[in-house]
Amino acid sequence: MFAHYLQQIIHYFFVAYTLLLSVRILGSWIPSFRYQTWFRFIAFYTDPYLRIFQRIIPPIGGLDLSPIFAFIALRILEAFILAILR
């Protein structure tokens, strides 16, 4: 029973972090968001993770594709952790 609740908590954590990443990425298209406190809070927690992929995958034609790989890696990590708990 405890394992089930732990799996749910882990799943919700990954969902929340995915939402934060989405807001960070979409918000980066709106320059005025950079100065908002809530956006700086989100950037503080998501930028270190995104930078991992930005170092590995350079922009192609000015288009940063690293967030796509960040989402994929996050999903794989969640599946891996949940598989261990099963």
PDB file of N, CA and C in Angstrom:
ATOM      1  N   MET A   1       0.829  -1.192   0.000  1.00  0.00           N
ATOM      2  CA  MET A   1       0.000   0.000   0.000  1.00  0.00           C
ATOM      3  C   MET A   1       0.873   1.255   0.000  1.00  0.00           C
ATOM      4  N   PHE A   2       1.922   1.247   0.812  1.00  0.00           N
ATOM      5  CA  PHE A   2       2.824   2.398   0.881  1.00  0.00           C
ATOM      6  C   PHE A   2       3.499   2.639  -0.464  1.00  0.00           C
ATOM      7  N   ALA A   3       3.869   1.571  -1.147  1.00  0.00           N
ATOM      8  CA  ALA A   3       4.541   1.692  -2.442  1.00  0.00           C
ATOM      9  C   ALA A   3       3.637   2.381  -3.460  1.00  0.00           C
ATOM     10  N   HIS A   4       2.346   2.091  -3.388  1.00  0.00           N
ATOM     11  CA  HIS A   4       1.403   2.725  -4.303  1.00  0.00           C
ATOM     12  C   HIS A   4       1.367   4.234  -4.087  1.00  0.00           C
ATOM     13  N   TYR A   5       1.309   4.654  -2.831  1.00  0.00           N
ATOM     14  CA  TYR A   5       1.295   6.089  -2.533  1.00  0.00           C
ATOM     15  C   TYR A   5       2.608   6.745  -2.924  1.00  0.00           C
ATOM     16  N   LEU A   6       3.695   6.057  -2.716  1.00  0.00           N
ATOM     17  CA  LEU A   6       5.003   6.588  -3.104  1.00  0.00           C
ATOM     18  C   LEU A   6       5.078   6.752  -4.622  1.00  0.00           C
ATOM     19  N   GLN A   7       4.554   5.790  -5.350  1.00  0.00           N
ATOM     20  CA  GLN A   7       4.529   5.886  -6.809  1.00  0.00           C
ATOM     21  C   GLN A   7       3.691   7.088  -7.258  1.00  0.00           C
ATOM     22  N   GLN A   8       2.569   7.306  -6.612  1.00  0.00           N
ATOM     23  CA  GLN A   8       1.726   8.453  -6.954  1.00  0.00           C
ATOM     24  C   GLN A   8       2.434   9.770  -6.667  1.00  0.00           C
ATOM     25  N   ILE A   9       3.102   9.850  -5.536  1.00  0.00           N
ATOM     26  CA  ILE A   9       3.832  11.072  -5.174  1.00  0.00           C
ATOM     27  C   ILE A   9       4.929  11.345  -6.198  1.00  0.00           C
ATOM     28  N   ILE A  10       5.657  10.314  -6.572  1.00  0.00           N
ATOM     29  CA  ILE A  10       6.720  10.470  -7.561  1.00  0.00           C
ATOM     30  C   ILE A  10       6.136  10.899  -8.905  1.00  0.00           C
ATOM     31  N   HIS A  11       5.048  10.276  -9.293  1.00  0.00           N
ATOM     32  CA  HIS A  11       4.404  10.638 -10.559  1.00  0.00           C
ATOM     33  C   HIS A  11       3.966  12.108 -10.536  1.00  0.00           C
ATOM     34  N   TYR A  12       3.330  12.546  -9.465  1.00  0.00           N
ATOM     35  CA  TYR A  12       2.875  13.936  -9.374  1.00  0.00           C
ATOM     36  C   TYR A  12       4.048  14.907  -9.345  1.00  0.00           C
ATOM     37  N   PHE A  13       5.155  14.504  -8.738  1.00  0.00           N
ATOM     38  CA  PHE A  13       6.353  15.349  -8.755  1.00  0.00           C
ATOM     39  C   PHE A  13       6.821  15.560 -10.194  1.00  0.00           C
ATOM     40  N   PHE A  14       6.884  14.475 -10.970  1.00  0.00           N
ATOM     41  CA  PHE A  14       7.328  14.592 -12.355  1.00  0.00           C
ATOM     42  C   PHE A  14       6.334  15.395 -13.195  1.00  0.00           C
ATOM     43  N   VAL A  15       5.058  15.247 -12.930  1.00  0.00           N
ATOM     44  CA  VAL A  15       4.050  16.041 -13.645  1.00  0.00           C
ATOM     45  C   VAL A  15       4.242  17.520 -13.322  1.00  0.00           C
ATOM     46  N   ALA A  16       4.434  17.836 -12.046  1.00  0.00           N
ATOM     47  CA  ALA A  16       4.629  19.225 -11.640  1.00  0.00           C
ATOM     48  C   ALA A  16       5.891  19.813 -12.265  1.00  0.00           C
ATOM     49  N   TYR A  17       6.971  19.044 -12.261  1.00  0.00           N
ATOM     50  CA  TYR A  17       8.222  19.541 -12.838  1.00  0.00           C
ATOM     51  C   TYR A  17       8.085  19.720 -14.352  1.00  0.00           C
ATOM     52  N   THR A  18       7.361  18.833 -15.008  1.00  0.00           N
ATOM     53  CA  THR A  18       7.107  18.969 -16.439  1.00  0.00           C
ATOM     54  C   THR A  18       6.318  20.250 -16.717  1.00  0.00           C
ATOM     55  N   LEU A  19       5.344  20.537 -15.870  1.00  0.00           N
ATOM     56  CA  LEU A  19       4.580  21.776 -16.022  1.00  0.00           C
ATOM     57  C   LEU A  19       5.470  23.002 -15.815  1.00  0.00           C
ATOM     58  N   LEU A  20       6.349  22.945 -14.808  1.00  0.00           N
ATOM     59  CA  LEU A  20       7.282  24.053 -14.588  1.00  0.00           C
ATOM     60  C   LEU A  20       8.185  24.255 -15.800  1.00  0.00           C
ATOM     61  N   LEU A  21       8.688  23.168 -16.355  1.00  0.00           N
ATOM     62  CA  LEU A  21       9.520  23.259 -17.554  1.00  0.00           C
ATOM     63  C   LEU A  21       8.742  23.870 -18.716  1.00  0.00           C
ATOM     64  N   SER A  22       7.504  23.475 -18.875  1.00  0.00           N
ATOM     65  CA  SER A  22       6.679  24.012 -19.956  1.00  0.00           C
ATOM     66  C   SER A  22       6.468  25.508 -19.794  1.00  0.00           C
ATOM     67  N   VAL A  23       6.167  25.933 -18.581  1.00  0.00           N
ATOM     68  CA  VAL A  23       5.979  27.361 -18.321  1.00  0.00           C
ATOM     69  C   VAL A  23       7.279  28.116 -18.568  1.00  0.00           C
ATOM     70  N   ARG A  24       8.396  27.537 -18.153  1.00  0.00           N
ATOM     71  CA  ARG A  24       9.703  28.177 -18.365  1.00  0.00           C
ATOM     72  C   ARG A  24      10.001  28.347 -19.847  1.00  0.00           C
ATOM     73  N   ILE A  25       9.763  27.319 -20.608  1.00  0.00           N
ATOM     74  CA  ILE A  25      10.067  27.359 -22.039  1.00  0.00           C
ATOM     75  C   ILE A  25       9.135  28.325 -22.766  1.00  0.00           C
ATOM     76  N   LEU A  26       7.848  28.217 -22.516  1.00  0.00           N
ATOM     77  CA  LEU A  26       6.902  29.115 -23.173  1.00  0.00           C
ATOM     78  C   LEU A  26       7.092  30.564 -22.708  1.00  0.00           C
ATOM     79  N   GLY A  27       7.398  30.730 -21.439  1.00  0.00           N
ATOM     80  CA  GLY A  27       7.612  32.064 -20.894  1.00  0.00           C
ATOM     81  C   GLY A  27       8.855  32.748 -21.426  1.00  0.00           C
ATOM     82  N   SER A  28       9.810  31.962 -21.877  1.00  0.00           N
ATOM     83  CA  SER A  28      11.039  32.558 -22.410  1.00  0.00           C
ATOM     84  C   SER A  28      10.779  33.300 -23.722  1.00  0.00           C
ATOM     85  N   TRP A  29       9.644  33.041 -24.348  1.00  0.00           N
ATOM     86  CA  TRP A  29       9.279  33.739 -25.580  1.00  0.00           C
ATOM     87  C   TRP A  29       8.718  35.127 -25.295  1.00  0.00           C
ATOM     88  N   ILE A  30       8.391  35.415 -24.039  1.00  0.00           N
ATOM     89  CA  ILE A  30       7.820  36.706 -23.658  1.00  0.00           C
ATOM     90  C   ILE A  30       8.846  37.432 -22.789  1.00  0.00           C
ATOM     91  N   PRO A  31       9.575  38.386 -23.364  1.00  0.00           N
ATOM     92  CA  PRO A  31      10.681  39.031 -22.651  1.00  0.00           C
ATOM     93  C   PRO A  31      10.293  39.680 -21.314  1.00  0.00           C
ATOM     94  N   SER A  32       9.094  40.208 -21.206  1.00  0.00           N
ATOM     95  CA  SER A  32       8.712  40.886 -19.961  1.00  0.00           C
ATOM     96  C   SER A  32       8.578  39.916 -18.783  1.00  0.00           C
ATOM     97  N   PHE A  33       8.428  38.630 -19.049  1.00  0.00           N
ATOM     98  CA  PHE A  33       8.318  37.647 -17.968  1.00  0.00           C
ATOM     99  C   PHE A  33       9.622  37.511 -17.184  1.00  0.00           C
ATOM    100  N   ARG A  34      10.753  37.804 -17.824  1.00  0.00           N
ATOM    101  CA  ARG A  34      12.051  37.645 -17.157  1.00  0.00           C
ATOM    102  C   ARG A  34      12.144  38.427 -15.849  1.00  0.00           C
ATOM    103  N   TYR A  35      11.392  39.477 -15.742  1.00  0.00           N
ATOM    104  CA  TYR A  35      11.475  40.360 -14.578  1.00  0.00           C
ATOM    105  C   TYR A  35      10.416  40.053 -13.522  1.00  0.00           C
ATOM    106  N   GLN A  36       9.580  39.078 -13.796  1.00  0.00           N
ATOM    107  CA  GLN A  36       8.542  38.695 -12.840  1.00  0.00           C
ATOM    108  C   GLN A  36       9.114  37.755 -11.788  1.00  0.00           C
ATOM    109  N   THR A  37       8.721  37.963 -10.549  1.00  0.00           N
ATOM    110  CA  THR A  37       9.233  37.137  -9.449  1.00  0.00           C
ATOM    111  C   THR A  37       8.882  35.667  -9.652  1.00  0.00           C
ATOM    112  N   TRP A  38       7.669  35.380 -10.039  1.00  0.00           N
ATOM    113  CA  TRP A  38       7.246  33.984 -10.207  1.00  0.00           C
ATOM    114  C   TRP A  38       8.035  33.298 -11.319  1.00  0.00           C
ATOM    115  N   PHE A  39       8.378  34.067 -12.354  1.00  0.00           N
ATOM    116  CA  PHE A  39       9.125  33.467 -13.455  1.00  0.00           C
ATOM    117  C   PHE A  39      10.570  33.207 -13.049  1.00  0.00           C
ATOM    118  N   ARG A  40      11.146  34.110 -12.270  1.00  0.00           N
ATOM    119  CA  ARG A  40      12.513  33.880 -11.774  1.00  0.00           C
ATOM    120  C   ARG A  40      12.552  32.673 -10.846  1.00  0.00           C
ATOM    121  N   PHE A  41      11.494  32.469 -10.072  1.00  0.00           N
ATOM    122  CA  PHE A  41      11.389  31.286  -9.209  1.00  0.00           C
ATOM    123  C   PHE A  41      11.406  30.013 -10.049  1.00  0.00           C
ATOM    124  N   ILE A  42      10.594  29.989 -11.104  1.00  0.00           N
ATOM    125  CA  ILE A  42      10.543  28.823 -11.988  1.00  0.00           C
ATOM    126  C   ILE A  42      11.886  28.611 -12.674  1.00  0.00           C
ATOM    127  N   ALA A  43      12.496  29.694 -13.156  1.00  0.00           N
ATOM    128  CA  ALA A  43      13.783  29.590 -13.847  1.00  0.00           C
ATOM    129  C   ALA A  43      14.864  29.059 -12.903  1.00  0.00           C
ATOM    130  N   PHE A  44      14.818  29.464 -11.647  1.00  0.00           N
ATOM    131  CA  PHE A  44      15.807  29.015 -10.666  1.00  0.00           C
ATOM    132  C   PHE A  44      15.809  27.490 -10.545  1.00  0.00           C
ATOM    133  N   TYR A  45      14.635  26.889 -10.605  1.00  0.00           N
ATOM    134  CA  TYR A  45      14.528  25.443 -10.430  1.00  0.00           C
ATOM    135  C   TYR A  45      14.599  24.640 -11.726  1.00  0.00           C
ATOM    136  N   THR A  46      14.396  25.284 -12.859  1.00  0.00           N
ATOM    137  CA  THR A  46      14.403  24.542 -14.117  1.00  0.00           C
ATOM    138  C   THR A  46      15.648  24.774 -14.962  1.00  0.00           C
ATOM    139  N   ASP A  47      16.267  25.934 -14.863  1.00  0.00           N
ATOM    140  CA  ASP A  47      17.422  26.236 -15.707  1.00  0.00           C
ATOM    141  C   ASP A  47      18.599  25.281 -15.520  1.00  0.00           C
ATOM    142  N   PRO A  48      18.943  24.877 -14.303  1.00  0.00           N
ATOM    143  CA  PRO A  48      20.065  23.924 -14.181  1.00  0.00           C
ATOM    144  C   PRO A  48      19.815  22.623 -14.955  1.00  0.00           C
ATOM    145  N   TYR A  49      18.593  22.135 -14.921  1.00  0.00           N
ATOM    146  CA  TYR A  49      18.260  20.917 -15.663  1.00  0.00           C
ATOM    147  C   TYR A  49      18.330  21.170 -17.166  1.00  0.00           C
ATOM    148  N   LEU A  50      17.797  22.278 -17.623  1.00  0.00           N
ATOM    149  CA  LEU A  50      17.817  22.592 -19.047  1.00  0.00           C
ATOM    150  C   LEU A  50      19.240  22.820 -19.560  1.00  0.00           C
ATOM    151  N   ARG A  51      20.086  23.409 -18.726  1.00  0.00           N
ATOM    152  CA  ARG A  51      21.472  23.667 -19.141  1.00  0.00           C
ATOM    153  C   ARG A  51      22.243  22.383 -19.446  1.00  0.00           C
ATOM    154  N   ILE A  52      21.898  21.309 -18.775  1.00  0.00           N
ATOM    155  CA  ILE A  52      22.548  20.018 -19.054  1.00  0.00           C
ATOM    156  C   ILE A  52      22.384  19.680 -20.531  1.00  0.00           C
ATOM    157  N   PHE A  53      21.194  19.842 -21.031  1.00  0.00           N
ATOM    158  CA  PHE A  53      20.900  19.485 -22.415  1.00  0.00           C
ATOM    159  C   PHE A  53      21.389  20.559 -23.388  1.00  0.00           C
ATOM    160  N   GLN A  54      21.402  21.802 -22.954  1.00  0.00           N
ATOM    161  CA  GLN A  54      21.890  22.877 -23.818  1.00  0.00           C
ATOM    162  C   GLN A  54      23.390  22.748 -24.065  1.00  0.00           C
ATOM    163  N   ARG A  55      24.121  22.202 -23.103  1.00  0.00           N
ATOM    164  CA  ARG A  55      25.554  21.969 -23.293  1.00  0.00           C
ATOM    165  C   ARG A  55      25.811  20.838 -24.286  1.00  0.00           C
ATOM    166  N   ILE A  56      24.929  19.855 -24.305  1.00  0.00           N
ATOM    167  CA  ILE A  56      25.104  18.684 -25.158  1.00  0.00           C
ATOM    168  C   ILE A  56      24.588  18.937 -26.575  1.00  0.00           C
ATOM    169  N   ILE A  57      23.439  19.612 -26.673  1.00  0.00           N
ATOM    170  CA  ILE A  57      22.769  19.798 -27.958  1.00  0.00           C
ATOM    171  C   ILE A  57      22.789  21.288 -28.326  1.00  0.00           C
ATOM    172  N   PRO A  58      23.632  21.676 -29.281  1.00  0.00           N
ATOM    173  CA  PRO A  58      23.675  23.094 -29.664  1.00  0.00           C
ATOM    174  C   PRO A  58      22.430  23.485 -30.470  1.00  0.00           C
ATOM    175  N   PRO A  59      22.086  24.769 -30.464  1.00  0.00           N
ATOM    176  CA  PRO A  59      20.955  25.225 -31.289  1.00  0.00           C
ATOM    177  C   PRO A  59      21.211  24.937 -32.773  1.00  0.00           C
ATOM    178  N   ILE A  60      20.167  24.571 -33.462  1.00  0.00           N
ATOM    179  CA  ILE A  60      20.257  24.284 -34.893  1.00  0.00           C
ATOM    180  C   ILE A  60      19.509  25.395 -35.621  1.00  0.00           C
ATOM    181  N   GLY A  61      20.249  26.206 -36.350  1.00  0.00           N
ATOM    182  CA  GLY A  61      19.632  27.323 -37.061  1.00  0.00           C
ATOM    183  C   GLY A  61      18.955  28.305 -36.133  1.00  0.00           C
ATOM    184  N   GLY A  62      19.489  28.486 -34.934  1.00  0.00           N
ATOM    185  CA  GLY A  62      18.909  29.398 -33.955  1.00  0.00           C
ATOM    186  C   GLY A  62      17.772  28.799 -33.148  1.00  0.00           C
ATOM    187  N   LEU A  63      17.419  27.555 -33.430  1.00  0.00           N
ATOM    188  CA  LEU A  63      16.322  26.883 -32.730  1.00  0.00           C
ATOM    189  C   LEU A  63      16.901  25.941 -31.677  1.00  0.00           C
ATOM    190  N   ASP A  64      16.513  26.167 -30.428  1.00  0.00           N
ATOM    191  CA  ASP A  64      16.998  25.349 -29.312  1.00  0.00           C
ATOM    192  C   ASP A  64      16.103  24.122 -29.162  1.00  0.00           C
ATOM    193  N   LEU A  65      16.636  22.974 -29.518  1.00  0.00           N
ATOM    194  CA  LEU A  65      15.880  21.727 -29.427  1.00  0.00           C
ATOM    195  C   LEU A  65      16.124  20.973 -28.128  1.00  0.00           C
ATOM    196  N   SER A  66      16.993  21.499 -27.290  1.00  0.00           N
ATOM    197  CA  SER A  66      17.337  20.802 -26.050  1.00  0.00           C
ATOM    198  C   SER A  66      16.140  20.551 -25.131  1.00  0.00           C
ATOM    199  N   PRO A  67      15.126  21.440 -25.062  1.00  0.00           N
ATOM    200  CA  PRO A  67      13.982  21.128 -24.197  1.00  0.00           C
ATOM    201  C   PRO A  67      13.250  19.847 -24.591  1.00  0.00           C
ATOM    202  N   ILE A  68      13.238  19.535 -25.870  1.00  0.00           N
ATOM    203  CA  ILE A  68      12.580  18.289 -26.298  1.00  0.00           C
ATOM    204  C   ILE A  68      13.276  17.091 -25.645  1.00  0.00           C
ATOM    205  N   PHE A  69      14.603  17.111 -25.676  1.00  0.00           N
ATOM    206  CA  PHE A  69      15.364  16.022 -25.067  1.00  0.00           C
ATOM    207  C   PHE A  69      15.243  16.039 -23.542  1.00  0.00           C
ATOM    208  N   ALA A  70      15.082  17.232 -22.975  1.00  0.00           N
ATOM    209  CA  ALA A  70      14.890  17.341 -21.527  1.00  0.00           C
ATOM    210  C   ALA A  70      13.575  16.689 -21.110  1.00  0.00           C
ATOM    211  N   PHE A  71      12.524  16.904 -21.903  1.00  0.00           N
ATOM    212  CA  PHE A  71      11.235  16.264 -21.615  1.00  0.00           C
ATOM    213  C   PHE A  71      11.327  14.749 -21.764  1.00  0.00           C
ATOM    214  N   ILE A  72      11.985  14.299 -22.800  1.00  0.00           N
ATOM    215  CA  ILE A  72      12.131  12.857 -23.025  1.00  0.00           C
ATOM    216  C   ILE A  72      12.915  12.213 -21.883  1.00  0.00           C
ATOM    217  N   ALA A  73      14.018  12.846 -21.488  1.00  0.00           N
ATOM    218  CA  ALA A  73      14.836  12.310 -20.394  1.00  0.00           C
ATOM    219  C   ALA A  73      14.055  12.281 -19.089  1.00  0.00           C
ATOM    220  N   LEU A  74      13.250  13.297 -18.855  1.00  0.00           N
ATOM    221  CA  LEU A  74      12.437  13.345 -17.636  1.00  0.00           C
ATOM    222  C   LEU A  74      11.441  12.192 -17.620  1.00  0.00           C
ATOM    223  N   ARG A  75      10.835  11.936 -18.748  1.00  0.00           N
ATOM    224  CA  ARG A  75       9.863  10.838 -18.847  1.00  0.00           C
ATOM    225  C   ARG A  75      10.539   9.484 -18.652  1.00  0.00           C
ATOM    226  N   ILE A  76      11.704   9.309 -19.240  1.00  0.00           N
ATOM    227  CA  ILE A  76      12.448   8.054 -19.083  1.00  0.00           C
ATOM    228  C   ILE A  76      12.856   7.867 -17.623  1.00  0.00           C
ATOM    229  N   LEU A  77      13.318   8.926 -16.988  1.00  0.00           N
ATOM    230  CA  LEU A  77      13.712   8.846 -15.585  1.00  0.00           C
ATOM    231  C   LEU A  77      12.528   8.470 -14.702  1.00  0.00           C
ATOM    232  N   GLU A  78      11.374   9.068 -14.961  1.00  0.00           N
ATOM    233  CA  GLU A  78      10.179   8.725 -14.192  1.00  0.00           C
ATOM    234  C   GLU A  78       9.828   7.251 -14.374  1.00  0.00           C
ATOM    235  N   ALA A  79       9.828   6.783 -15.612  1.00  0.00           N
ATOM    236  CA  ALA A  79       9.495   5.382 -15.882  1.00  0.00           C
ATOM    237  C   ALA A  79      10.488   4.447 -15.202  1.00  0.00           C
ATOM    238  N   PHE A  80      11.747   4.803 -15.217  1.00  0.00           N
ATOM    239  CA  PHE A  80      12.785   3.990 -14.582  1.00  0.00           C
ATOM    240  C   PHE A  80      12.576   3.903 -13.062  1.00  0.00           C
ATOM    241  N   ILE A  81      12.317   5.044 -12.437  1.00  0.00           N
ATOM    242  CA  ILE A  81      12.112   5.067 -10.985  1.00  0.00           C
ATOM    243  C   ILE A  81      10.861   4.284 -10.612  1.00  0.00           C
ATOM    244  N   LEU A  82       9.787   4.471 -11.356  1.00  0.00           N
ATOM    245  CA  LEU A  82       8.549   3.764 -11.057  1.00  0.00           C
ATOM    246  C   LEU A  82       8.693   2.259 -11.288  1.00  0.00           C
ATOM    247  N   ALA A  83       9.483   1.871 -12.284  1.00  0.00           N
ATOM    248  CA  ALA A  83       9.724   0.443 -12.533  1.00  0.00           C
ATOM    249  C   ALA A  83      10.492  -0.193 -11.386  1.00  0.00           C
ATOM    250  N   ILE A  84      11.414   0.538 -10.807  1.00  0.00           N
ATOM    251  CA  ILE A  84      12.171   0.015  -9.652  1.00  0.00           C
ATOM    252  C   ILE A  84      11.247  -0.206  -8.461  1.00  0.00           C
ATOM    253  N   LEU A  85      10.281   0.690  -8.281  1.00  0.00           N
ATOM    254  CA  LEU A  85       9.379   0.593  -7.126  1.00  0.00           C
ATOM    255  C   LEU A  85       8.329  -0.507  -7.286  1.00  0.00           C
ATOM    256  N   ARG A  86       8.130  -0.956  -8.508  1.00  0.00           N
ATOM    257  CA  ARG A  86       7.110  -2.006  -8.721  1.00  0.00           C
ATOM    258  C   ARG A  86       7.634  -3.306  -8.339  1.00  0.00           C
TER     259      ARG A  86
END
